[in-house]
């Protein structure tokens, strides 16, 4: 998400130009600024949650990979021992 700067002075000027009172324009700009702050915080929390989920998935994948490699090694060693027994006897 791209967050651009909010030119509050320019926005107040534009609102005044279309008939807002100073108090109305300043209140509206204040509300908009607060909404942007809340939106940024919520987006950041969402990203943090996604990162946490990704880390958990990676950790599970590592465990699964090591387990698979262990059993693959056991099978290879077993097959090698069996072949050696057949060849040497």
N, C-alpha and C. Protein backbone atom coordinates (compact mmCIF):
# COMPACT_ATOMS: atom_id res chain seq x y z
N UNK A 1 0.85 -1.16 0.00
CA UNK A 1 0.00 0.00 0.00
C UNK A 1 0.90 1.23 0.00
N UNK A 2 0.56 2.20 -0.85
CA UNK A 2 1.31 3.43 -0.93
C UNK A 2 0.58 4.51 -0.16
N UNK A 3 1.28 5.13 0.77
CA UNK A 3 0.67 6.22 1.53
C UNK A 3 1.35 7.51 1.11
N UNK A 4 0.54 8.42 0.59
CA UNK A 4 1.09 9.71 0.15
C UNK A 4 0.84 10.74 1.23
N UNK A 5 1.61 11.81 1.17
CA UNK A 5 1.45 12.89 2.16
C UNK A 5 0.11 13.58 1.95
N UNK A 6 -0.49 13.99 3.04
CA UNK A 6 -1.76 14.70 3.00
C UNK A 6 -1.47 16.18 3.23
N UNK A 7 -1.69 16.98 2.20
CA UNK A 7 -1.45 18.42 2.31
C UNK A 7 -2.68 19.04 2.96
N UNK A 8 -2.65 19.10 4.29
CA UNK A 8 -3.83 19.56 5.02
C UNK A 8 -4.14 21.03 4.75
N UNK A 9 -3.12 21.85 4.61
CA UNK A 9 -3.35 23.27 4.33
C UNK A 9 -4.07 23.44 3.00
N UNK A 10 -3.59 22.75 1.97
CA UNK A 10 -4.21 22.85 0.64
C UNK A 10 -5.64 22.33 0.67
N UNK A 11 -5.86 21.25 1.40
CA UNK A 11 -7.21 20.69 1.49
C UNK A 11 -8.17 21.65 2.18
N UNK A 12 -7.72 22.28 3.26
CA UNK A 12 -8.55 23.28 3.95
C UNK A 12 -8.87 24.43 3.00
N UNK A 13 -7.85 24.90 2.25
CA UNK A 13 -8.08 25.99 1.28
C UNK A 13 -9.14 25.59 0.25
N UNK A 14 -9.04 24.37 -0.26
CA UNK A 14 -10.00 23.91 -1.28
C UNK A 14 -11.41 23.80 -0.70
N UNK A 15 -11.51 23.33 0.52
CA UNK A 15 -12.83 23.22 1.15
C UNK A 15 -13.44 24.60 1.40
N UNK A 16 -12.62 25.54 1.83
CA UNK A 16 -13.11 26.92 2.01
C UNK A 16 -13.59 27.50 0.68
N UNK A 17 -12.87 27.19 -0.39
CA UNK A 17 -13.21 27.74 -1.71
C UNK A 17 -14.58 27.27 -2.19
N UNK A 18 -15.03 26.10 -1.71
CA UNK A 18 -16.33 25.61 -2.16
C UNK A 18 -17.43 25.84 -1.12
N UNK A 19 -17.13 26.67 -0.11
CA UNK A 19 -18.18 27.08 0.80
C UNK A 19 -18.12 26.54 2.22
N UNK A 20 -17.15 25.72 2.55
CA UNK A 20 -17.03 25.25 3.93
C UNK A 20 -16.56 26.41 4.81
N UNK A 21 -17.05 26.43 6.06
CA UNK A 21 -16.52 27.41 7.01
C UNK A 21 -15.14 26.93 7.45
N UNK A 22 -14.39 27.81 8.09
CA UNK A 22 -13.06 27.42 8.59
C UNK A 22 -13.18 26.22 9.54
N UNK A 23 -14.17 26.29 10.44
CA UNK A 23 -14.34 25.22 11.42
C UNK A 23 -14.72 23.90 10.73
N UNK A 24 -15.60 23.94 9.75
CA UNK A 24 -16.00 22.72 9.04
C UNK A 24 -14.82 22.12 8.28
N UNK A 25 -14.08 22.97 7.58
CA UNK A 25 -12.95 22.50 6.79
C UNK A 25 -11.88 21.88 7.69
N UNK A 26 -11.56 22.55 8.78
CA UNK A 26 -10.53 22.05 9.68
C UNK A 26 -10.96 20.75 10.37
N UNK A 27 -12.24 20.65 10.72
CA UNK A 27 -12.75 19.43 11.35
C UNK A 27 -12.70 18.26 10.37
N UNK A 28 -13.13 18.50 9.14
CA UNK A 28 -13.10 17.45 8.13
C UNK A 28 -11.67 16.97 7.88
N UNK A 29 -10.74 17.89 7.76
CA UNK A 29 -9.34 17.53 7.52
C UNK A 29 -8.79 16.75 8.72
N UNK A 30 -9.16 17.15 9.91
CA UNK A 30 -8.73 16.44 11.12
C UNK A 30 -9.24 15.00 11.12
N UNK A 31 -10.49 14.82 10.76
CA UNK A 31 -11.08 13.48 10.69
C UNK A 31 -10.37 12.65 9.63
N UNK A 32 -10.12 13.23 8.47
CA UNK A 32 -9.42 12.51 7.41
C UNK A 32 -8.02 12.08 7.86
N UNK A 33 -7.33 12.97 8.55
CA UNK A 33 -5.98 12.64 9.04
C UNK A 33 -6.04 11.47 10.02
N UNK A 34 -7.02 11.49 10.92
CA UNK A 34 -7.17 10.40 11.89
C UNK A 34 -7.51 9.08 11.19
N UNK A 35 -8.37 9.14 10.17
CA UNK A 35 -8.73 7.94 9.42
C UNK A 35 -7.51 7.35 8.72
N UNK A 36 -6.67 8.21 8.16
CA UNK A 36 -5.45 7.73 7.50
C UNK A 36 -4.53 7.03 8.49
N UNK A 37 -4.43 7.61 9.69
CA UNK A 37 -3.58 7.02 10.72
C UNK A 37 -4.11 5.65 11.12
N UNK A 38 -5.43 5.55 11.33
CA UNK A 38 -6.04 4.27 11.69
C UNK A 38 -5.88 3.25 10.57
N UNK A 39 -6.06 3.70 9.35
CA UNK A 39 -5.92 2.82 8.19
C UNK A 39 -4.50 2.29 8.09
N UNK A 40 -3.52 3.16 8.31
CA UNK A 40 -2.12 2.74 8.26
C UNK A 40 -1.82 1.72 9.35
N UNK A 41 -2.36 1.96 10.54
CA UNK A 41 -2.13 1.04 11.66
C UNK A 41 -2.76 -0.32 11.37
N UNK A 42 -3.97 -0.31 10.83
CA UNK A 42 -4.66 -1.57 10.52
C UNK A 42 -3.90 -2.34 9.44
N UNK A 43 -3.42 -1.63 8.42
CA UNK A 43 -2.67 -2.29 7.35
C UNK A 43 -1.39 -2.89 7.90
N UNK A 44 -0.74 -2.17 8.79
CA UNK A 44 0.49 -2.66 9.40
C UNK A 44 0.22 -3.92 10.22
N UNK A 45 -0.88 -3.93 10.97
CA UNK A 45 -1.25 -5.11 11.76
C UNK A 45 -1.55 -6.29 10.87
N UNK A 46 -2.19 -6.04 9.74
CA UNK A 46 -2.51 -7.11 8.79
C UNK A 46 -1.23 -7.70 8.22
N UNK A 47 -0.29 -6.85 7.86
CA UNK A 47 0.99 -7.31 7.33
C UNK A 47 1.73 -8.12 8.38
N UNK A 48 1.72 -7.65 9.63
CA UNK A 48 2.38 -8.38 10.71
C UNK A 48 1.78 -9.77 10.88
N UNK A 49 0.46 -9.86 10.79
CA UNK A 49 -0.20 -11.16 10.91
C UNK A 49 0.18 -12.08 9.75
N UNK A 50 0.24 -11.53 8.55
CA UNK A 50 0.64 -12.33 7.39
C UNK A 50 2.07 -12.84 7.54
N UNK A 51 2.96 -11.99 8.04
CA UNK A 51 4.35 -12.39 8.25
C UNK A 51 4.43 -13.50 9.29
N UNK A 52 3.67 -13.38 10.36
CA UNK A 52 3.66 -14.40 11.41
C UNK A 52 3.16 -15.74 10.84
N UNK A 53 2.11 -15.69 10.02
CA UNK A 53 1.60 -16.92 9.40
C UNK A 53 2.65 -17.53 8.47
N UNK A 54 3.33 -16.69 7.71
CA UNK A 54 4.36 -17.17 6.80
C UNK A 54 5.49 -17.83 7.57
N UNK A 55 5.92 -17.22 8.66
CA UNK A 55 6.99 -17.81 9.48
C UNK A 55 6.57 -19.16 10.04
N UNK A 56 5.33 -19.27 10.48
CA UNK A 56 4.84 -20.54 11.01
C UNK A 56 4.83 -21.61 9.91
N UNK A 57 4.42 -21.22 8.71
CA UNK A 57 4.40 -22.16 7.59
C UNK A 57 5.81 -22.61 7.23
N UNK A 58 6.75 -21.70 7.25
CA UNK A 58 8.14 -22.03 6.94
C UNK A 58 8.69 -22.99 7.99
N UNK A 59 8.40 -22.72 9.26
CA UNK A 59 8.88 -23.60 10.33
C UNK A 59 8.32 -25.01 10.17
N UNK A 60 7.03 -25.12 9.84
CA UNK A 60 6.43 -26.44 9.62
C UNK A 60 7.07 -27.12 8.42
N UNK A 61 7.31 -26.38 7.36
CA UNK A 61 7.94 -26.95 6.17
C UNK A 61 9.33 -27.49 6.50
N UNK A 62 10.09 -26.75 7.32
CA UNK A 62 11.43 -27.22 7.71
C UNK A 62 11.35 -28.56 8.44
N UNK A 63 10.41 -28.66 9.38
CA UNK A 63 10.25 -29.91 10.12
C UNK A 63 9.88 -31.04 9.17
N UNK A 64 8.93 -30.79 8.28
CA UNK A 64 8.52 -31.81 7.31
C UNK A 64 9.67 -32.22 6.41
N UNK A 65 10.47 -31.27 5.98
CA UNK A 65 11.59 -31.55 5.09
C UNK A 65 12.65 -32.39 5.79
N UNK A 66 13.00 -32.02 7.01
CA UNK A 66 14.00 -32.79 7.77
C UNK A 66 13.50 -34.20 8.04
N UNK A 67 12.22 -34.34 8.36
CA UNK A 67 11.65 -35.66 8.59
C UNK A 67 11.72 -36.52 7.33
N UNK A 68 11.35 -35.94 6.21
CA UNK A 68 11.39 -36.68 4.94
C UNK A 68 12.82 -37.07 4.59
N UNK A 69 13.77 -36.17 4.80
CA UNK A 69 15.17 -36.48 4.51
C UNK A 69 15.69 -37.58 5.42
N UNK A 70 15.28 -37.58 6.68
CA UNK A 70 15.70 -38.63 7.61
C UNK A 70 15.23 -39.99 7.11
N UNK A 71 13.94 -40.10 6.78
CA UNK A 71 13.41 -41.39 6.34
C UNK A 71 13.98 -41.81 4.99
N UNK A 72 14.26 -40.86 4.13
CA UNK A 72 14.91 -41.18 2.85
C UNK A 72 16.29 -41.77 3.11
N UNK A 73 17.01 -41.19 4.05
CA UNK A 73 18.34 -41.68 4.39
C UNK A 73 18.26 -43.09 4.97
N UNK A 74 17.27 -43.34 5.83
CA UNK A 74 17.08 -44.67 6.41
C UNK A 74 16.82 -45.70 5.31
N UNK A 75 16.00 -45.36 4.35
CA UNK A 75 15.68 -46.28 3.24
C UNK A 75 16.92 -46.54 2.40
N UNK A 76 17.69 -45.50 2.10
CA UNK A 76 18.90 -45.67 1.28
C UNK A 76 19.92 -46.56 2.00
N UNK A 77 20.11 -46.32 3.29
CA UNK A 77 21.06 -47.14 4.06
C UNK A 77 20.57 -48.59 4.11
N UNK A 78 19.29 -48.78 4.34
CA UNK A 78 18.73 -50.13 4.37
C UNK A 78 18.91 -50.84 3.05
N UNK A 79 18.63 -50.16 1.96
CA UNK A 79 18.78 -50.76 0.63
C UNK A 79 20.24 -51.09 0.35
N UNK A 80 21.14 -50.21 0.75
CA UNK A 80 22.57 -50.44 0.54
C UNK A 80 23.04 -51.66 1.33
N UNK A 81 22.62 -51.76 2.58
CA UNK A 81 22.99 -52.92 3.43
C UNK A 81 22.44 -54.20 2.80
N UNK A 82 21.21 -54.19 2.35
CA UNK A 82 20.61 -55.38 1.74
C UNK A 82 21.35 -55.78 0.48
N UNK A 83 21.72 -54.83 -0.36
CA UNK A 83 22.47 -55.13 -1.58
C UNK A 83 23.87 -55.69 -1.26
N UNK A 84 24.50 -55.11 -0.25
CA UNK A 84 25.83 -55.61 0.14
C UNK A 84 25.74 -57.04 0.65
N UNK A 85 24.72 -57.36 1.42
CA UNK A 85 24.54 -58.72 1.91
C UNK A 85 24.34 -59.70 0.76
N UNK A 86 23.57 -59.28 -0.24
CA UNK A 86 23.33 -60.16 -1.40
C UNK A 86 24.61 -60.35 -2.19
N UNK A 87 25.36 -59.34 -2.38
CA UNK A 87 26.59 -59.41 -3.20
C UNK A 87 27.67 -60.18 -2.48
N UNK A 88 27.83 -60.00 -1.20
CA UNK A 88 28.91 -60.62 -0.44
C UNK A 88 28.61 -62.05 -0.01
N UNK A 89 27.42 -62.53 -0.15
CA UNK A 89 27.11 -63.92 0.23
C UNK A 89 26.88 -64.76 -0.93
